[in-house]
Amino acid sequence: MSCLLFLNVDTVGIFIILFLVVAYFGLIIFSLLDAVRSTFKNPGAKVIWVLFILFAPFLGSILYLTLGRNSRI
């Protein structure tokens, strides 16, 4: 944990940063798995959502969870 001391981050800050990083990647992985496992009304929608999540991870995940889940069967 002393490797981040040059950033002047204490132990609580390290755990907050760790939580945010895990939540970020968890959101992306959850969105990708949900998009891949789902069946969409439009067959090309799955490919578009997966590519959007991969190339714009945070924005793509948020938009998929708010808009893309409504276009599933």
N, C-alpha and C. Protein backbone atom coordinates (compact mmCIF):
# COMPACT_ATOMS: atom_id res chain seq x y z
N MET A 1 0.81 -1.19 0.00
CA MET A 1 0.00 0.00 0.00
C MET A 1 0.85 1.26 0.00
N SER A 2 2.12 1.12 0.29
CA SER A 2 2.97 2.30 0.34
C SER A 2 3.34 2.81 -1.06
N CYS A 3 2.96 2.07 -2.10
CA CYS A 3 3.30 2.50 -3.45
C CYS A 3 2.49 3.72 -3.88
N LEU A 4 1.38 4.01 -3.22
CA LEU A 4 0.56 5.16 -3.57
C LEU A 4 0.78 6.35 -2.63
N LEU A 5 1.80 6.25 -1.79
CA LEU A 5 2.05 7.35 -0.86
C LEU A 5 2.51 8.61 -1.58
N PHE A 6 3.11 8.48 -2.75
CA PHE A 6 3.54 9.67 -3.48
C PHE A 6 2.34 10.49 -3.96
N LEU A 7 1.16 9.88 -4.02
CA LEU A 7 -0.05 10.60 -4.39
C LEU A 7 -0.72 11.27 -3.18
N ASN A 8 -0.15 11.05 -2.02
CA ASN A 8 -0.68 11.58 -0.76
C ASN A 8 -2.09 11.06 -0.51
N VAL A 9 -2.29 9.74 -0.72
CA VAL A 9 -3.57 9.09 -0.51
C VAL A 9 -3.44 8.19 0.70
N ASP A 10 -4.37 8.35 1.64
CA ASP A 10 -4.33 7.50 2.82
C ASP A 10 -5.03 6.17 2.55
N THR A 11 -5.14 5.33 3.56
CA THR A 11 -5.70 4.00 3.40
C THR A 11 -7.17 4.06 2.99
N VAL A 12 -7.93 4.96 3.56
CA VAL A 12 -9.35 5.09 3.19
C VAL A 12 -9.47 5.51 1.73
N GLY A 13 -8.63 6.41 1.29
CA GLY A 13 -8.65 6.83 -0.10
C GLY A 13 -8.31 5.71 -1.04
N ILE A 14 -7.39 4.85 -0.64
CA ILE A 14 -7.03 3.70 -1.47
C ILE A 14 -8.22 2.76 -1.62
N PHE A 15 -8.94 2.52 -0.52
CA PHE A 15 -10.10 1.65 -0.60
C PHE A 15 -11.23 2.27 -1.42
N ILE A 16 -11.39 3.57 -1.35
CA ILE A 16 -12.39 4.24 -2.17
C ILE A 16 -12.04 4.12 -3.65
N ILE A 17 -10.77 4.34 -3.98
CA ILE A 17 -10.32 4.20 -5.36
C ILE A 17 -10.49 2.76 -5.83
N LEU A 18 -10.15 1.80 -4.99
CA LEU A 18 -10.31 0.39 -5.33
C LEU A 18 -11.77 0.05 -5.57
N PHE A 19 -12.66 0.56 -4.73
CA PHE A 19 -14.09 0.31 -4.90
C PHE A 19 -14.60 0.90 -6.21
N LEU A 20 -14.17 2.10 -6.54
CA LEU A 20 -14.60 2.74 -7.79
C LEU A 20 -14.11 1.99 -9.02
N VAL A 21 -12.88 1.50 -8.96
CA VAL A 21 -12.33 0.74 -10.09
C VAL A 21 -13.08 -0.58 -10.27
N VAL A 22 -13.36 -1.27 -9.17
CA VAL A 22 -14.10 -2.52 -9.25
C VAL A 22 -15.53 -2.28 -9.74
N ALA A 23 -16.17 -1.21 -9.27
CA ALA A 23 -17.53 -0.88 -9.72
C ALA A 23 -17.54 -0.53 -11.20
N TYR A 24 -16.52 0.18 -11.67
CA TYR A 24 -16.43 0.55 -13.09
C TYR A 24 -16.34 -0.69 -13.97
N PHE A 25 -15.41 -1.58 -13.65
CA PHE A 25 -15.26 -2.79 -14.46
C PHE A 25 -16.44 -3.73 -14.28
N GLY A 26 -17.03 -3.76 -13.10
CA GLY A 26 -18.22 -4.57 -12.88
C GLY A 26 -19.39 -4.11 -13.73
N LEU A 27 -19.55 -2.80 -13.87
CA LEU A 27 -20.60 -2.24 -14.72
C LEU A 27 -20.41 -2.65 -16.17
N ILE A 28 -19.18 -2.56 -16.63
CA ILE A 28 -18.88 -2.91 -18.02
C ILE A 28 -19.11 -4.40 -18.26
N ILE A 29 -18.62 -5.24 -17.37
CA ILE A 29 -18.77 -6.69 -17.54
C ILE A 29 -20.24 -7.09 -17.47
N PHE A 30 -20.98 -6.50 -16.53
CA PHE A 30 -22.41 -6.80 -16.43
C PHE A 30 -23.15 -6.40 -17.70
N SER A 31 -22.85 -5.23 -18.22
CA SER A 31 -23.52 -4.76 -19.43
C SER A 31 -23.19 -5.64 -20.63
N LEU A 32 -21.92 -6.01 -20.76
CA LEU A 32 -21.52 -6.88 -21.88
C LEU A 32 -22.20 -8.24 -21.80
N LEU A 33 -22.18 -8.84 -20.62
CA LEU A 33 -22.80 -10.15 -20.48
C LEU A 33 -24.30 -10.09 -20.73
N ASP A 34 -24.95 -9.04 -20.25
CA ASP A 34 -26.38 -8.90 -20.45
C ASP A 34 -26.71 -8.69 -21.93
N ALA A 35 -25.90 -7.91 -22.62
CA ALA A 35 -26.14 -7.67 -24.05
C ALA A 35 -25.91 -8.93 -24.87
N VAL A 36 -24.89 -9.69 -24.54
CA VAL A 36 -24.58 -10.90 -25.31
C VAL A 36 -25.63 -11.98 -25.07
N ARG A 37 -26.14 -12.08 -23.86
CA ARG A 37 -27.12 -13.13 -23.55
C ARG A 37 -28.54 -12.80 -23.99
N SER A 38 -28.82 -11.54 -24.30
CA SER A 38 -30.18 -11.12 -24.61
C SER A 38 -30.52 -11.34 -26.08
N THR A 39 -31.81 -11.44 -26.33
CA THR A 39 -32.34 -11.50 -27.69
C THR A 39 -33.04 -10.18 -27.97
N PHE A 40 -32.68 -9.55 -29.07
CA PHE A 40 -33.22 -8.24 -29.41
C PHE A 40 -34.24 -8.34 -30.52
N LYS A 41 -35.09 -7.33 -30.63
CA LYS A 41 -36.08 -7.27 -31.71
C LYS A 41 -35.39 -7.15 -33.06
N ASN A 42 -34.34 -6.35 -33.11
CA ASN A 42 -33.56 -6.16 -34.33
C ASN A 42 -32.28 -7.00 -34.21
N PRO A 43 -32.00 -7.92 -35.14
CA PRO A 43 -30.83 -8.80 -35.01
C PRO A 43 -29.50 -8.05 -34.96
N GLY A 44 -29.40 -6.91 -35.63
CA GLY A 44 -28.14 -6.17 -35.62
C GLY A 44 -27.93 -5.34 -34.37
N ALA A 45 -28.96 -5.22 -33.55
CA ALA A 45 -28.86 -4.39 -32.34
C ALA A 45 -27.86 -4.96 -31.35
N LYS A 46 -27.78 -6.27 -31.26
CA LYS A 46 -26.85 -6.89 -30.33
C LYS A 46 -25.42 -6.52 -30.67
N VAL A 47 -25.07 -6.60 -31.94
CA VAL A 47 -23.71 -6.27 -32.37
C VAL A 47 -23.42 -4.79 -32.11
N ILE A 48 -24.38 -3.94 -32.39
CA ILE A 48 -24.18 -2.51 -32.18
C ILE A 48 -23.97 -2.20 -30.71
N TRP A 49 -24.79 -2.79 -29.84
CA TRP A 49 -24.65 -2.52 -28.41
C TRP A 49 -23.33 -3.06 -27.86
N VAL A 50 -22.93 -4.24 -28.29
CA VAL A 50 -21.67 -4.81 -27.81
C VAL A 50 -20.49 -3.95 -28.25
N LEU A 51 -20.51 -3.52 -29.51
CA LEU A 51 -19.43 -2.65 -29.98
C LEU A 51 -19.43 -1.30 -29.26
N PHE A 52 -20.60 -0.77 -29.01
CA PHE A 52 -20.70 0.51 -28.31
C PHE A 52 -20.18 0.38 -26.88
N ILE A 53 -20.49 -0.73 -26.22
CA ILE A 53 -19.99 -0.95 -24.85
C ILE A 53 -18.48 -1.14 -24.86
N LEU A 54 -17.95 -1.80 -25.88
CA LEU A 54 -16.51 -2.03 -25.93
C LEU A 54 -15.71 -0.77 -26.26
N PHE A 55 -16.23 0.06 -27.16
CA PHE A 55 -15.47 1.23 -27.60
C PHE A 55 -15.72 2.48 -26.76
N ALA A 56 -16.84 2.55 -26.07
CA ALA A 56 -17.12 3.65 -25.15
C ALA A 56 -17.64 3.02 -23.86
N PRO A 57 -16.75 2.43 -23.07
CA PRO A 57 -17.19 1.55 -21.98
C PRO A 57 -18.17 2.18 -20.99
N PHE A 58 -17.84 3.31 -20.42
CA PHE A 58 -18.72 3.87 -19.39
C PHE A 58 -20.02 4.39 -19.99
N LEU A 59 -19.91 5.21 -21.02
CA LEU A 59 -21.09 5.77 -21.66
C LEU A 59 -21.93 4.67 -22.31
N GLY A 60 -21.28 3.72 -22.96
CA GLY A 60 -21.99 2.62 -23.60
C GLY A 60 -22.74 1.77 -22.60
N SER A 61 -22.13 1.51 -21.46
CA SER A 61 -22.79 0.70 -20.43
C SER A 61 -24.01 1.41 -19.86
N ILE A 62 -23.85 2.69 -19.57
CA ILE A 62 -24.96 3.46 -19.01
C ILE A 62 -26.11 3.56 -20.03
N LEU A 63 -25.78 3.85 -21.28
CA LEU A 63 -26.82 3.95 -22.30
C LEU A 63 -27.49 2.61 -22.56
N TYR A 64 -26.71 1.53 -22.54
CA TYR A 64 -27.32 0.21 -22.74
C TYR A 64 -28.29 -0.10 -21.61
N LEU A 65 -27.89 0.16 -20.38
CA LEU A 65 -28.77 -0.17 -19.26
C LEU A 65 -30.01 0.71 -19.21
N THR A 66 -29.93 1.92 -19.75
CA THR A 66 -31.11 2.79 -19.73
C THR A 66 -31.96 2.65 -20.99
N LEU A 67 -31.34 2.51 -22.16
CA LEU A 67 -32.09 2.47 -23.41
C LEU A 67 -32.13 1.10 -24.07
N GLY A 68 -31.03 0.39 -24.03
CA GLY A 68 -30.92 -0.88 -24.77
C GLY A 68 -31.73 -2.01 -24.21
N ARG A 69 -31.94 -2.01 -22.91
CA ARG A 69 -32.70 -3.10 -22.32
C ARG A 69 -34.16 -3.04 -22.72
N ASN A 70 -34.62 -1.89 -23.17
CA ASN A 70 -36.01 -1.75 -23.59
C ASN A 70 -36.24 -2.35 -24.98
N SER A 71 -35.18 -2.55 -25.76
CA SER A 71 -35.35 -3.08 -27.11
C SER A 71 -35.18 -4.59 -27.17
N ARG A 72 -35.14 -5.22 -26.02
CA ARG A 72 -35.04 -6.68 -25.99
C ARG A 72 -36.40 -7.32 -26.13
N ILE A 73 -36.38 -8.60 -26.50
CA ILE A 73 -37.64 -9.36 -26.59
C ILE A 73 -37.96 -9.91 -25.22
